[in-house]
Amino acid sequence: MTAVQRPRRAVLMINTVGIGGAQTQLAHLLRGLVAAGWSVELYTLLPPPDPSPALDDVRATGTPVHVLSEDGTNPLASMRRTVALLREHQPELVVSFLYQANVLARIAGRLAGVPVVVTSIRNERFGGRWRDAVIRLTGPLATLTTANSLGAARALTERGVVDPDRLQVVRNAVVAERRTDASRERARSTFELTDEFVWLAVGRMTEQKSYETLLAAFARCTRERPHTRLWIAGDGPDRQRIEQLATELGIAPLVRFLGFRRDVPELLHAADAFVLSSRWE
């Protein structure tokens, strides 16, 4: 009698399944693992916000979602729950995203006997010296740490946060179509554009992205080139403040705040240039 082989098991772990680049990459990875036949569970340290497009993508795959804490005020309780869940699910692999989830995955993963623990650092800076120290001290508990760019990897190794022998650069997954003249014309027609020059920014409305710098630069640009436009795709806690700043600078009619979008490829087809004003990435 032939034994039935169980599917390979993985756990993905993140601080919260909100809107952001890490959450988008987690959803890409999860869908890929599920398509490859893995049994996947998602652990999130905090309840997901509403709306949560990444969580919608996760639930569409039928993946179980476990919320480890209601408010994040009891790290020891979150640790105990995580260890218990890992021992119950018995995954071969844990992959975590972002600082708090990385620390939890390293410690809980080893306590639960998970064979492979991969932690992912998404920024060259993720806090002050204490966070650097915690990541440095828990580094040996991870099988591997990944960074999503050479710049981030270089900064982490130069500060001694991550052992370069245990660090691998894994760039963000991007599904993109080649832009052609025809696709560009279709996209610009969809957004009712004629001869305007469109700058496009994509990212969360947070301090890191420095949209005030972008608006100040765009205001100077419009003085010489009044036919330019600025589109900002993204949402977040600073949105109201940034919209008010556009009004104060007198450029509100030339700026479109698009909110969260699922059609970023089409926006890129329609735009003339992409602009990134982040203080750090």
C-alpha atoms as a PDB file:
ATOM      1  CA  MET A   1       0.000   0.000   0.000  1.00  0.00           C
ATOM      2  CA  THR A   2       1.463   3.353  -1.047  1.00  0.00           C
ATOM      3  CA  ALA A   3       1.642   5.979   1.682  1.00  0.00           C
ATOM      4  CA  VAL A   4       0.021   9.326   0.924  1.00  0.00           C
ATOM      5  CA  GLN A   5       2.680  12.025   0.982  1.00  0.00           C
ATOM      6  CA  ARG A   6       1.621  15.173   2.834  1.00  0.00           C
ATOM      7  CA  PRO A   7       2.137  18.536   1.104  1.00  0.00           C
ATOM      8  CA  ARG A   8       5.102  20.625   2.149  1.00  0.00           C
ATOM      9  CA  ARG A   9       4.161  23.127   4.822  1.00  0.00           C
ATOM     10  CA  ALA A  10       5.125  26.782   5.203  1.00  0.00           C
ATOM     11  CA  VAL A  11       4.195  29.672   7.475  1.00  0.00           C
ATOM     12  CA  LEU A  12       4.412  33.304   6.409  1.00  0.00           C
ATOM     13  CA  MET A  13       4.570  35.875   9.194  1.00  0.00           C
ATOM     14  CA  ILE A  14       4.163  39.676   9.143  1.00  0.00           C
ATOM     15  CA  ASN A  15       3.345  42.521  11.540  1.00  0.00           C
ATOM     16  CA  THR A  16      -0.015  43.251   9.943  1.00  0.00           C
ATOM     17  CA  VAL A  17      -1.601  42.660   6.553  1.00  0.00           C
ATOM     18  CA  GLY A  18      -2.144  46.296   5.643  1.00  0.00           C
ATOM     19  CA  ILE A  19      -1.235  48.253   2.531  1.00  0.00           C
ATOM     20  CA  GLY A  20       2.434  48.313   1.642  1.00  0.00           C
ATOM     21  CA  GLY A  21       5.266  46.818  -0.352  1.00  0.00           C
ATOM     22  CA  ALA A  22       6.066  44.059   2.135  1.00  0.00           C
ATOM     23  CA  GLN A  23       2.433  42.989   2.198  1.00  0.00           C
ATOM     24  CA  THR A  24       2.315  42.903  -1.603  1.00  0.00           C
ATOM     25  CA  GLN A  25       5.447  40.751  -1.737  1.00  0.00           C
ATOM     26  CA  LEU A  26       4.032  38.425   0.914  1.00  0.00           C
ATOM     27  CA  ALA A  27       0.900  37.950  -1.195  1.00  0.00           C
ATOM     28  CA  HIS A  28       3.024  37.203  -4.293  1.00  0.00           C
ATOM     29  CA  LEU A  29       5.058  34.623  -2.365  1.00  0.00           C
ATOM     30  CA  LEU A  30       1.992  33.034  -0.803  1.00  0.00           C
ATOM     31  CA  ARG A  31       0.222  32.607  -4.140  1.00  0.00           C
ATOM     32  CA  GLY A  32       3.383  31.099  -5.610  1.00  0.00           C
ATOM     33  CA  LEU A  33       3.763  28.599  -2.781  1.00  0.00           C
ATOM     34  CA  VAL A  34       0.108  27.587  -2.972  1.00  0.00           C
ATOM     35  CA  ALA A  35       0.359  27.157  -6.762  1.00  0.00           C
ATOM     36  CA  ALA A  36       3.417  24.934  -6.199  1.00  0.00           C
ATOM     37  CA  GLY A  37       1.416  22.654  -3.918  1.00  0.00           C
ATOM     38  CA  TRP A  38       2.528  23.902  -0.498  1.00  0.00           C
ATOM     39  CA  SER A  39       0.196  24.024   2.495  1.00  0.00           C
ATOM     40  CA  VAL A  40       0.547  27.592   3.772  1.00  0.00           C
ATOM     41  CA  GLU A  41      -0.657  29.435   6.852  1.00  0.00           C
ATOM     42  CA  LEU A  42      -0.353  33.156   7.555  1.00  0.00           C
ATOM     43  CA  TYR A  43       0.431  34.587  10.998  1.00  0.00           C
ATOM     44  CA  THR A  44      -0.128  38.303  11.558  1.00  0.00           C
ATOM     45  CA  LEU A  45       0.956  39.952  14.790  1.00  0.00           C
ATOM     46  CA  LEU A  46      -1.932  42.439  14.785  1.00  0.00           C
ATOM     47  CA  PRO A  47      -5.459  42.350  13.367  1.00  0.00           C
ATOM     48  CA  PRO A  48      -5.585  43.437   9.717  1.00  0.00           C
ATOM     49  CA  PRO A  49      -6.943  46.896   8.908  1.00  0.00           C
ATOM     50  CA  ASP A  50     -10.018  47.437   6.808  1.00  0.00           C
ATOM     51  CA  PRO A  51      -9.637  47.553   3.873  1.00  0.00           C
ATOM     52  CA  SER A  52      -6.757  45.123   3.412  1.00  0.00           C
ATOM     53  CA  PRO A  53      -6.202  44.247  -0.273  1.00  0.00           C
ATOM     54  CA  ALA A  54      -3.292  41.918   0.558  1.00  0.00           C
ATOM     55  CA  LEU A  55      -5.490  40.005   3.014  1.00  0.00           C
ATOM     56  CA  ASP A  56      -8.179  39.700   0.342  1.00  0.00           C
ATOM     57  CA  ASP A  57      -5.553  38.110  -1.925  1.00  0.00           C
ATOM     58  CA  VAL A  58      -4.545  35.717   0.846  1.00  0.00           C
ATOM     59  CA  ARG A  59      -8.104  34.671   1.664  1.00  0.00           C
ATOM     60  CA  ALA A  60      -8.816  34.082  -2.027  1.00  0.00           C
ATOM     61  CA  THR A  61      -6.340  31.178  -1.863  1.00  0.00           C
ATOM     62  CA  GLY A  62      -8.116  29.606   1.106  1.00  0.00           C
ATOM     63  CA  THR A  63      -5.065  30.150   3.324  1.00  0.00           C
ATOM     64  CA  PRO A  64      -5.763  30.054   7.094  1.00  0.00           C
ATOM     65  CA  VAL A  65      -4.981  33.350   8.842  1.00  0.00           C
ATOM     66  CA  HIS A  66      -4.003  33.472  12.532  1.00  0.00           C
ATOM     67  CA  VAL A  67      -3.983  36.774  14.447  1.00  0.00           C
ATOM     68  CA  LEU A  68      -1.396  36.480  17.218  1.00  0.00           C
ATOM     69  CA  SER A  69      -2.443  39.478  19.310  1.00  0.00           C
ATOM     70  CA  GLU A  70      -5.321  41.911  19.478  1.00  0.00           C
ATOM     71  CA  ASP A  71      -3.180  44.922  20.400  1.00  0.00           C
ATOM     72  CA  GLY A  72       0.464  43.837  20.576  1.00  0.00           C
ATOM     73  CA  THR A  73       0.839  44.790  24.255  1.00  0.00           C
ATOM     74  CA  ASN A  74       1.856  41.321  25.491  1.00  0.00           C
ATOM     75  CA  PRO A  75       4.853  40.022  23.512  1.00  0.00           C
ATOM     76  CA  LEU A  76       5.254  36.948  25.724  1.00  0.00           C
ATOM     77  CA  ALA A  77       1.665  35.877  25.056  1.00  0.00           C
ATOM     78  CA  SER A  78       2.247  36.349  21.322  1.00  0.00           C
ATOM     79  CA  MET A  79       5.411  34.242  21.600  1.00  0.00           C
ATOM     80  CA  ARG A  80       3.613  31.412  23.408  1.00  0.00           C
ATOM     81  CA  ARG A  81       0.776  31.418  20.869  1.00  0.00           C
ATOM     82  CA  THR A  82       3.199  31.423  17.951  1.00  0.00           C
ATOM     83  CA  VAL A  83       5.223  28.510  19.327  1.00  0.00           C
ATOM     84  CA  ALA A  84       2.031  26.527  19.954  1.00  0.00           C
ATOM     85  CA  LEU A  85       0.749  27.155  16.438  1.00  0.00           C
ATOM     86  CA  LEU A  86       4.078  26.213  14.873  1.00  0.00           C
ATOM     87  CA  ARG A  87       4.252  22.969  16.852  1.00  0.00           C
ATOM     88  CA  GLU A  88       0.711  22.147  15.763  1.00  0.00           C
ATOM     89  CA  HIS A  89       1.241  22.955  12.076  1.00  0.00           C
ATOM     90  CA  GLN A  90       4.828  21.584  11.931  1.00  0.00           C
ATOM     91  CA  PRO A  91       6.006  23.656   8.939  1.00  0.00           C
ATOM     92  CA  GLU A  92       9.271  22.967   7.176  1.00  0.00           C
ATOM     93  CA  LEU A  93       9.701  26.671   6.452  1.00  0.00           C
ATOM     94  CA  VAL A  94       8.903  30.004   8.095  1.00  0.00           C
ATOM     95  CA  VAL A  95       9.338  33.246   6.139  1.00  0.00           C
ATOM     96  CA  SER A  96       8.838  36.535   7.984  1.00  0.00           C
ATOM     97  CA  PHE A  97       8.589  40.176   6.919  1.00  0.00           C
ATOM     98  CA  LEU A  98       9.354  43.332   8.958  1.00  0.00           C
ATOM     99  CA  TYR A  99      11.108  43.898  12.270  1.00  0.00           C
ATOM    100  CA  GLN A 100       8.722  42.587  14.939  1.00  0.00           C
ATOM    101  CA  ALA A 101       7.730  39.559  12.880  1.00  0.00           C
ATOM    102  CA  ASN A 102      11.393  38.823  12.138  1.00  0.00           C
ATOM    103  CA  VAL A 103      12.305  38.743  15.831  1.00  0.00           C
ATOM    104  CA  LEU A 104       9.283  36.606  16.672  1.00  0.00           C
ATOM    105  CA  ALA A 105       9.920  34.185  13.806  1.00  0.00           C
ATOM    106  CA  ARG A 106      13.557  33.698  14.781  1.00  0.00           C
ATOM    107  CA  ILE A 107      12.869  32.928  18.443  1.00  0.00           C
ATOM    108  CA  ALA A 108       9.561  31.065  18.114  1.00  0.00           C
ATOM    109  CA  GLY A 109      10.748  29.180  15.051  1.00  0.00           C
ATOM    110  CA  ARG A 110      13.740  27.774  16.896  1.00  0.00           C
ATOM    111  CA  LEU A 111      11.730  27.003  20.059  1.00  0.00           C
ATOM    112  CA  ALA A 112       9.235  25.085  17.896  1.00  0.00           C
ATOM    113  CA  GLY A 113      11.951  23.218  15.998  1.00  0.00           C
ATOM    114  CA  VAL A 114      11.214  24.643  12.528  1.00  0.00           C
ATOM    115  CA  PRO A 115      13.991  23.414  10.169  1.00  0.00           C
ATOM    116  CA  VAL A 116      14.294  26.589   8.048  1.00  0.00           C
ATOM    117  CA  VAL A 117      13.612  30.166   9.185  1.00  0.00           C
ATOM    118  CA  VAL A 118      14.067  32.959   6.624  1.00  0.00           C
ATOM    119  CA  THR A 119      13.665  36.563   7.794  1.00  0.00           C
ATOM    120  CA  SER A 120      13.270  39.482   5.407  1.00  0.00           C
ATOM    121  CA  ILE A 121      14.508  43.035   6.026  1.00  0.00           C
ATOM    122  CA  ARG A 122      12.800  45.503   3.697  1.00  0.00           C
ATOM    123  CA  ASN A 123      14.603  48.755   4.567  1.00  0.00           C
ATOM    124  CA  GLU A 124      18.173  49.859   5.132  1.00  0.00           C
ATOM    125  CA  ARG A 125      16.918  51.425   8.380  1.00  0.00           C
ATOM    126  CA  PHE A 126      14.091  50.009  10.493  1.00  0.00           C
ATOM    127  CA  GLY A 127      14.654  51.829  13.790  1.00  0.00           C
ATOM    128  CA  GLY A 128      17.494  52.950  16.061  1.00  0.00           C
ATOM    129  CA  ARG A 129      20.466  51.238  17.688  1.00  0.00           C
ATOM    130  CA  TRP A 130      18.354  49.020  19.936  1.00  0.00           C
ATOM    131  CA  ARG A 131      16.567  47.448  16.987  1.00  0.00           C
ATOM    132  CA  ASP A 132      19.879  46.987  15.205  1.00  0.00           C
ATOM    133  CA  ALA A 133      21.193  45.241  18.313  1.00  0.00           C
ATOM    134  CA  VAL A 134      18.190  42.915  18.574  1.00  0.00           C
ATOM    135  CA  ILE A 135      18.479  41.872  14.926  1.00  0.00           C
ATOM    136  CA  ARG A 136      22.228  41.379  15.339  1.00  0.00           C
ATOM    137  CA  LEU A 137      21.815  39.211  18.463  1.00  0.00           C
ATOM    138  CA  THR A 138      19.019  37.060  17.029  1.00  0.00           C
ATOM    139  CA  GLY A 139      20.705  36.720  13.643  1.00  0.00           C
ATOM    140  CA  PRO A 140      22.158  33.245  14.313  1.00  0.00           C
ATOM    141  CA  LEU A 141      18.629  31.924  14.943  1.00  0.00           C
ATOM    142  CA  ALA A 142      17.715  32.558  11.290  1.00  0.00           C
ATOM    143  CA  THR A 143      18.788  30.141   8.599  1.00  0.00           C
ATOM    144  CA  LEU A 144      19.026  33.087   6.215  1.00  0.00           C
ATOM    145  CA  THR A 145      18.210  36.785   6.161  1.00  0.00           C
ATOM    146  CA  THR A 146      17.166  38.437   2.927  1.00  0.00           C
ATOM    147  CA  ALA A 147      17.232  42.072   1.804  1.00  0.00           C
ATOM    148  CA  ASN A 148      15.317  43.371  -1.198  1.00  0.00           C
ATOM    149  CA  SER A 149      18.103  45.555  -2.634  1.00  0.00           C
ATOM    150  CA  LEU A 150      21.876  45.786  -2.831  1.00  0.00           C
ATOM    151  CA  GLY A 151      21.716  49.169  -1.101  1.00  0.00           C
ATOM    152  CA  ALA A 152      19.851  47.772   1.898  1.00  0.00           C
ATOM    153  CA  ALA A 153      22.184  44.767   2.083  1.00  0.00           C
ATOM    154  CA  ARG A 154      25.251  47.045   1.997  1.00  0.00           C
ATOM    155  CA  ALA A 155      23.886  49.288   4.768  1.00  0.00           C
ATOM    156  CA  LEU A 156      23.033  46.298   6.975  1.00  0.00           C
ATOM    157  CA  THR A 157      26.458  44.710   6.639  1.00  0.00           C
ATOM    158  CA  GLU A 158      28.342  47.993   7.056  1.00  0.00           C
ATOM    159  CA  ARG A 159      26.516  48.593  10.374  1.00  0.00           C
ATOM    160  CA  GLY A 160      27.207  45.010  11.429  1.00  0.00           C
ATOM    161  CA  VAL A 161      23.498  44.259  11.730  1.00  0.00           C
ATOM    162  CA  VAL A 162      23.626  41.120   9.560  1.00  0.00           C
ATOM    163  CA  ASP A 163      26.441  38.644   8.922  1.00  0.00           C
ATOM    164  CA  PRO A 164      27.204  38.943   5.175  1.00  0.00           C
ATOM    165  CA  ASP A 165      27.639  35.153   4.994  1.00  0.00           C
ATOM    166  CA  ARG A 166      24.016  34.722   6.106  1.00  0.00           C
ATOM    167  CA  LEU A 167      22.537  37.467   3.917  1.00  0.00           C
ATOM    168  CA  GLN A 168      21.018  37.088   0.461  1.00  0.00           C
ATOM    169  CA  VAL A 169      19.583  39.787  -1.808  1.00  0.00           C
ATOM    170  CA  VAL A 170      16.179  38.756  -3.162  1.00  0.00           C
ATOM    171  CA  ARG A 171      14.682  41.589  -5.163  1.00  0.00           C
ATOM    172  CA  ASN A 172      10.976  42.366  -5.123  1.00  0.00           C
ATOM    173  CA  ALA A 173       8.878  40.299  -7.485  1.00  0.00           C
ATOM    174  CA  VAL A 174       7.285  42.417 -10.199  1.00  0.00           C
ATOM    175  CA  VAL A 175       4.820  41.175 -12.774  1.00  0.00           C
ATOM    176  CA  ALA A 176       5.005  43.673 -15.618  1.00  0.00           C
ATOM    177  CA  GLU A 177       4.006  43.869 -19.248  1.00  0.00           C
ATOM    178  CA  ARG A 178       6.243  45.468 -21.833  1.00  0.00           C
ATOM    179  CA  ARG A 179       5.009  48.939 -22.686  1.00  0.00           C
ATOM    180  CA  THR A 180       4.325  49.596 -26.355  1.00  0.00           C
ATOM    181  CA  ASP A 181       3.109  52.685 -28.182  1.00  0.00           C
ATOM    182  CA  ALA A 182      -0.308  51.060 -28.504  1.00  0.00           C
ATOM    183  CA  SER A 183      -0.566  50.162 -24.799  1.00  0.00           C
ATOM    184  CA  ARG A 184       0.535  53.674 -23.849  1.00  0.00           C
ATOM    185  CA  GLU A 185      -2.092  55.260 -26.074  1.00  0.00           C
ATOM    186  CA  ARG A 186      -4.796  53.001 -24.637  1.00  0.00           C
ATOM    187  CA  ALA A 187      -3.772  53.856 -21.089  1.00  0.00           C
ATOM    188  CA  ARG A 188      -3.613  57.615 -21.718  1.00  0.00           C
ATOM    189  CA  SER A 189      -6.988  57.473 -23.422  1.00  0.00           C
ATOM    190  CA  THR A 190      -8.444  55.664 -20.405  1.00  0.00           C
ATOM    191  CA  PHE A 191      -7.254  58.455 -18.118  1.00  0.00           C
ATOM    192  CA  GLU A 192      -8.345  61.182 -20.570  1.00  0.00           C
ATOM    193  CA  LEU A 193      -4.836  62.515 -21.141  1.00  0.00           C
ATOM    194  CA  THR A 194      -3.772  64.504 -24.204  1.00  0.00           C
ATOM    195  CA  ASP A 195      -0.403  66.282 -24.243  1.00  0.00           C
ATOM    196  CA  GLU A 196       0.163  66.592 -20.480  1.00  0.00           C
ATOM    197  CA  PHE A 197       3.468  65.368 -19.040  1.00  0.00           C
ATOM    198  CA  VAL A 198       2.584  63.096 -16.111  1.00  0.00           C
ATOM    199  CA  TRP A 199       4.832  62.320 -13.156  1.00  0.00           C
ATOM    200  CA  LEU A 200       3.768  59.224 -11.199  1.00  0.00           C
ATOM    201  CA  ALA A 201       4.619  58.429  -7.573  1.00  0.00           C
ATOM    202  CA  VAL A 202       3.537  55.162  -5.954  1.00  0.00           C
ATOM    203  CA  GLY A 203       3.802  54.472  -2.232  1.00  0.00           C
ATOM    204  CA  ARG A 204       2.243  54.748   1.199  1.00  0.00           C
ATOM    205  CA  MET A 205       1.403  58.183   2.591  1.00  0.00           C
ATOM    206  CA  THR A 206       3.959  58.114   5.419  1.00  0.00           C
ATOM    207  CA  GLU A 207       6.921  60.144   6.633  1.00  0.00           C
ATOM    208  CA  GLN A 208       9.345  57.748   4.921  1.00  0.00           C
ATOM    209  CA  LYS A 209       8.075  58.652   1.438  1.00  0.00           C
ATOM    210  CA  SER A 210       8.567  62.424   1.964  1.00  0.00           C
ATOM    211  CA  TYR A 211       5.694  63.574  -0.229  1.00  0.00           C
ATOM    212  CA  GLU A 212       6.124  67.124   1.041  1.00  0.00           C
ATOM    213  CA  THR A 213       9.504  67.176  -0.729  1.00  0.00           C
ATOM    214  CA  LEU A 214       7.862  65.887  -3.896  1.00  0.00           C
ATOM    215  CA  LEU A 215       5.103  68.513  -3.799  1.00  0.00           C
ATOM    216  CA  ALA A 216       7.584  71.333  -3.219  1.00  0.00           C
ATOM    217  CA  ALA A 217       9.669  70.190  -6.202  1.00  0.00           C
ATOM    218  CA  PHE A 218       6.584  69.788  -8.378  1.00  0.00           C
ATOM    219  CA  ALA A 219       5.398  73.292  -7.464  1.00  0.00           C
ATOM    220  CA  ARG A 220       8.699  74.692  -8.779  1.00  0.00           C
ATOM    221  CA  CYS A 221       8.370  72.546 -11.907  1.00  0.00           C
ATOM    222  CA  THR A 222       4.926  73.900 -12.743  1.00  0.00           C
ATOM    223  CA  ARG A 223       6.180  77.475 -12.868  1.00  0.00           C
ATOM    224  CA  GLU A 224       8.177  76.665 -15.985  1.00  0.00           C
ATOM    225  CA  ARG A 225       6.071  73.795 -17.327  1.00  0.00           C
ATOM    226  CA  PRO A 226       2.393  74.401 -16.517  1.00  0.00           C
ATOM    227  CA  HIS A 227       1.286  71.384 -18.571  1.00  0.00           C
ATOM    228  CA  THR A 228       2.893  68.938 -16.136  1.00  0.00           C
ATOM    229  CA  ARG A 229       0.730  66.813 -13.839  1.00  0.00           C
ATOM    230  CA  LEU A 230       1.494  64.770 -10.736  1.00  0.00           C
ATOM    231  CA  TRP A 231      -0.289  61.556  -9.838  1.00  0.00           C
ATOM    232  CA  ILE A 232       0.182  59.946  -6.438  1.00  0.00           C
ATOM    233  CA  ALA A 233      -1.037  56.362  -6.044  1.00  0.00           C
ATOM    234  CA  GLY A 234      -1.153  55.277  -2.419  1.00  0.00           C
ATOM    235  CA  ASP A 235      -2.875  55.858   0.893  1.00  0.00           C
ATOM    236  CA  GLY A 236      -1.893  56.187   4.510  1.00  0.00           C
ATOM    237  CA  PRO A 237      -1.965  58.276   7.692  1.00  0.00           C
ATOM    238  CA  ASP A 238      -0.413  61.390   6.100  1.00  0.00           C
ATOM    239  CA  ARG A 239      -2.838  61.676   3.198  1.00  0.00           C
ATOM    240  CA  GLN A 240      -4.958  64.517   4.606  1.00  0.00           C
ATOM    241  CA  ARG A 241      -1.858  66.542   5.499  1.00  0.00           C
ATOM    242  CA  ILE A 242      -0.328  66.058   2.047  1.00  0.00           C
ATOM    243  CA  GLU A 243      -3.552  66.991   0.281  1.00  0.00           C
ATOM    244  CA  GLN A 244      -3.734  70.164   2.403  1.00  0.00           C
ATOM    245  CA  LEU A 245      -0.138  70.986   1.475  1.00  0.00           C
ATOM    246  CA  ALA A 246      -0.978  70.720  -2.225  1.00  0.00           C
ATOM    247  CA  THR A 247      -3.725  73.269  -1.679  1.00  0.00           C
ATOM    248  CA  GLU A 248      -1.405  75.597   0.243  1.00  0.00           C
ATOM    249  CA  LEU A 249       1.192  75.413  -2.551  1.00  0.00           C
ATOM    250  CA  GLY A 250      -1.473  76.278  -5.128  1.00  0.00           C
ATOM    251  CA  ILE A 251      -0.982  73.070  -7.126  1.00  0.00           C
ATOM    252  CA  ALA A 252      -4.049  71.085  -6.027  1.00  0.00           C
ATOM    253  CA  PRO A 253      -5.691  71.264  -9.518  1.00  0.00           C
ATOM    254  CA  LEU A 254      -2.549  69.695 -11.023  1.00  0.00           C
ATOM    255  CA  VAL A 255      -2.194  66.837  -8.519  1.00  0.00           C
ATOM    256  CA  ARG A 256      -4.336  63.697  -8.511  1.00  0.00           C
ATOM    257  CA  PHE A 257      -4.434  61.709  -5.286  1.00  0.00           C
ATOM    258  CA  LEU A 258      -5.431  58.284  -6.568  1.00  0.00           C
ATOM    259  CA  GLY A 259      -5.527  56.353  -3.293  1.00  0.00           C
ATOM    260  CA  PHE A 260      -4.769  52.635  -3.233  1.00  0.00           C
ATOM    261  CA  ARG A 261      -4.754  51.205  -6.743  1.00  0.00           C
ATOM    262  CA  ARG A 262      -4.636  47.723  -8.224  1.00  0.00           C
ATOM    263  CA  ASP A 263      -3.922  49.058 -11.735  1.00  0.00           C
ATOM    264  CA  VAL A 264      -0.386  50.395 -11.185  1.00  0.00           C
ATOM    265  CA  PRO A 265       0.887  48.797 -14.447  1.00  0.00           C
ATOM    266  CA  GLU A 266      -1.725  50.779 -16.372  1.00  0.00           C
ATOM    267  CA  LEU A 267      -0.758  53.948 -14.505  1.00  0.00           C
ATOM    268  CA  LEU A 268       2.867  53.341 -15.455  1.00  0.00           C
ATOM    269  CA  HIS A 269       1.853  52.887 -19.089  1.00  0.00           C
ATOM    270  CA  ALA A 270       0.031  56.224 -19.041  1.00  0.00           C
ATOM    271  CA  ALA A 271       2.677  58.241 -17.180  1.00  0.00           C
ATOM    272  CA  ASP A 272       5.774  59.830 -18.680  1.00  0.00           C
ATOM    273  CA  ALA A 273       8.076  59.501 -15.668  1.00  0.00           C
ATOM    274  CA  PHE A 274       8.199  57.750 -12.305  1.00  0.00           C
ATOM    275  CA  VAL A 275       9.391  59.757  -9.278  1.00  0.00           C
ATOM    276  CA  LEU A 276      10.474  58.546  -5.825  1.00  0.00           C
ATOM    277  CA  SER A 277      11.100  61.084  -3.042  1.00  0.00           C
ATOM    278  CA  SER A 278      11.699  58.726  -0.096  1.00  0.00           C
ATOM    279  CA  ARG A 279      13.972  59.748   2.772  1.00  0.00           C
ATOM    280  CA  TRP A 280      15.085  56.109   3.006  1.00  0.00           C
ATOM    281  CA  GLU A 281      14.189  52.832   1.340  1.00  0.00           C
END
